C-alpha atoms as a PDB file:
ATOM      1  CA  MET A   1     -59.663 -30.638  47.223  1.00  0.00           C
ATOM      2  CA  ARG A   2     -58.793 -30.252  43.602  1.00  0.00           C
ATOM      3  CA  PRO A   3     -57.070 -27.064  42.484  1.00  0.00           C
ATOM      4  CA  ARG A   4     -59.177 -25.017  40.169  1.00  0.00           C
ATOM      5  CA  LEU A   5     -57.846 -24.549  36.622  1.00  0.00           C
ATOM      6  CA  ASN A   6     -57.319 -21.042  35.430  1.00  0.00           C
ATOM      7  CA  ARG A   7     -59.475 -20.710  32.317  1.00  0.00           C
ATOM      8  CA  SER A   8     -57.949 -17.361  31.283  1.00  0.00           C
ATOM      9  CA  ALA A   9     -54.520 -18.882  30.601  1.00  0.00           C
ATOM     10  CA  PRO A  10     -55.287 -19.689  26.901  1.00  0.00           C
ATOM     11  CA  ALA A  11     -56.551 -16.149  26.420  1.00  0.00           C
ATOM     12  CA  ALA A  12     -53.350 -14.741  27.919  1.00  0.00           C
ATOM     13  CA  ILE A  13     -51.216 -16.945  25.665  1.00  0.00           C
ATOM     14  CA  LEU A  14     -53.253 -15.844  22.645  1.00  0.00           C
ATOM     15  CA  ALA A  15     -52.774 -12.186  23.598  1.00  0.00           C
ATOM     16  CA  ILE A  16     -49.003 -12.665  23.935  1.00  0.00           C
ATOM     17  CA  VAL A  17     -48.833 -14.359  20.525  1.00  0.00           C
ATOM     18  CA  ALA A  18     -50.900 -11.568  18.966  1.00  0.00           C
ATOM     19  CA  VAL A  19     -48.644  -8.866  20.435  1.00  0.00           C
ATOM     20  CA  ALA A  20     -45.551 -10.745  19.221  1.00  0.00           C
ATOM     21  CA  ALA A  21     -47.028 -11.033  15.717  1.00  0.00           C
ATOM     22  CA  VAL A  22     -47.818  -7.319  15.585  1.00  0.00           C
ATOM     23  CA  CYS A  23     -44.295  -6.460  16.755  1.00  0.00           C
ATOM     24  CA  ALA A  24     -42.730  -8.772  14.166  1.00  0.00           C
ATOM     25  CA  THR A  25     -44.737  -7.343  11.274  1.00  0.00           C
ATOM     26  CA  SER A  26     -44.168  -3.750  12.302  1.00  0.00           C
ATOM     27  CA  ALA A  27     -40.427  -4.389  12.618  1.00  0.00           C
ATOM     28  CA  GLY A  28     -40.413  -5.759   9.078  1.00  0.00           C
ATOM     29  CA  CYS A  29     -42.115  -2.638   7.748  1.00  0.00           C
ATOM     30  CA  SER A  30     -39.702  -0.247   9.407  1.00  0.00           C
ATOM     31  CA  ALA A  31     -36.854  -1.064   7.012  1.00  0.00           C
ATOM     32  CA  ILE A  32     -38.637   0.297   3.921  1.00  0.00           C
ATOM     33  CA  THR A  33     -36.556   2.941   2.189  1.00  0.00           C
ATOM     34  CA  PRO A  34     -38.257   5.872   0.463  1.00  0.00           C
ATOM     35  CA  ILE A  35     -38.592   5.821  -3.320  1.00  0.00           C
ATOM     36  CA  LYS A  36     -35.923   7.930  -4.947  1.00  0.00           C
ATOM     37  CA  PRO A  37     -36.915  10.240  -7.791  1.00  0.00           C
ATOM     38  CA  VAL A  38     -35.888   9.379 -11.332  1.00  0.00           C
ATOM     39  CA  GLN A  39     -32.644  11.113 -12.173  1.00  0.00           C
ATOM     40  CA  ALA A  40     -32.109  12.955 -15.480  1.00  0.00           C
ATOM     41  CA  TRP A  41     -29.686  10.338 -16.828  1.00  0.00           C
ATOM     42  CA  GLU A  42     -32.170   7.536 -16.064  1.00  0.00           C
ATOM     43  CA  LYS A  43     -35.000   9.029 -18.119  1.00  0.00           C
ATOM     44  CA  GLY A  44     -33.568   7.672 -21.369  1.00  0.00           C
ATOM     45  CA  ALA A  45     -34.360   4.113 -20.250  1.00  0.00           C
ATOM     46  CA  LEU A  46     -37.968   5.088 -19.544  1.00  0.00           C
ATOM     47  CA  ALA A  47     -38.368   6.633 -23.023  1.00  0.00           C
ATOM     48  CA  LYS A  48     -37.760   3.320 -24.816  1.00  0.00           C
ATOM     49  CA  PRO A  49     -40.578   1.991 -27.044  1.00  0.00           C
ATOM     50  CA  GLU A  50     -40.972  -1.034 -24.761  1.00  0.00           C
ATOM     51  CA  MET A  51     -42.100   1.271 -21.954  1.00  0.00           C
ATOM     52  CA  LEU A  52     -45.192   2.597 -23.774  1.00  0.00           C
ATOM     53  CA  ILE A  53     -48.472   2.074 -21.965  1.00  0.00           C
ATOM     54  CA  GLU A  54     -50.425   1.053 -25.045  1.00  0.00           C
ATOM     55  CA  GLY A  55     -47.751  -1.396 -26.201  1.00  0.00           C
ATOM     56  CA  ASP A  56     -46.782  -1.957 -29.813  1.00  0.00           C
ATOM     57  CA  LEU A  57     -48.207   0.675 -32.161  1.00  0.00           C
ATOM     58  CA  LEU A  58     -48.698  -1.820 -34.999  1.00  0.00           C
ATOM     59  CA  GLU A  59     -50.584  -4.150 -32.672  1.00  0.00           C
ATOM     60  CA  THR A  60     -52.763  -1.224 -31.565  1.00  0.00           C
ATOM     61  CA  ARG A  61     -53.601  -0.434 -35.196  1.00  0.00           C
ATOM     62  CA  TYR A  62     -54.529  -4.082 -35.812  1.00  0.00           C
ATOM     63  CA  SER A  63     -56.744  -4.107 -32.726  1.00  0.00           C
ATOM     64  CA  ASP A  64     -58.475  -0.907 -33.850  1.00  0.00           C
ATOM     65  CA  HIS A  65     -59.005  -2.374 -37.314  1.00  0.00           C
ATOM     66  CA  ILE A  66     -60.540  -5.544 -35.877  1.00  0.00           C
ATOM     67  CA  TYR A  67     -62.750  -3.505 -33.529  1.00  0.00           C
ATOM     68  CA  THR A  68     -64.086  -1.302 -36.337  1.00  0.00           C
ATOM     69  CA  SER A  69     -64.635  -4.347 -38.551  1.00  0.00           C
ATOM     70  CA  LYS A  70     -66.682  -6.090 -35.868  1.00  0.00           C
ATOM     71  CA  GLU A  71     -68.690  -2.991 -35.014  1.00  0.00           C
ATOM     72  CA  ALA A  72     -69.312  -2.164 -38.716  1.00  0.00           C
ATOM     73  CA  ALA A  73     -68.488   1.477 -38.055  1.00  0.00           C
ATOM     74  CA  SER A  74     -65.406   3.604 -37.949  1.00  0.00           C
ATOM     75  CA  GLY A  75     -64.454   6.041 -35.254  1.00  0.00           C
ATOM     76  CA  GLY A  76     -65.895   6.174 -31.784  1.00  0.00           C
ATOM     77  CA  SER A  77     -62.639   5.249 -30.136  1.00  0.00           C
ATOM     78  CA  GLY A  78     -61.539   8.857 -29.732  1.00  0.00           C
ATOM     79  CA  VAL A  79     -63.112  11.909 -28.127  1.00  0.00           C
ATOM     80  CA  GLY A  80     -66.736  12.710 -28.841  1.00  0.00           C
ATOM     81  CA  GLY A  81     -69.203  10.123 -29.983  1.00  0.00           C
ATOM     82  CA  GLY A  82     -69.486   7.343 -32.473  1.00  0.00           C
ATOM     83  CA  GLY A  83     -71.350   9.395 -35.082  1.00  0.00           C
ATOM     84  CA  CYS A  84     -74.827   8.408 -33.945  1.00  0.00           C
ATOM     85  CA  GLY A  85     -75.734  11.972 -32.956  1.00  0.00           C
ATOM     86  CA  CYS A  86     -76.069  11.226 -29.255  1.00  0.00           C
ATOM     87  CA  ASN A  87     -73.120  13.268 -28.030  1.00  0.00           C
END
């Protein structure tokens, strides 16, 4: 008589590999250090003009000028409406 093959062996190997992968990824995440707050003496570096969100002020003015030229209207980029009366 032939011995019967165990068909659940590949599933067991897959489960072991999955558990090992989860353990490896969770061990890699455990070494994350908390973010330290910005100290008072470090705030000068964050106040540099390069750190502005909108970028270069002259470039922003040029972009606004091009936008208003294409739209054939001025305003509308601030608070309120564009002057059409549909506030």
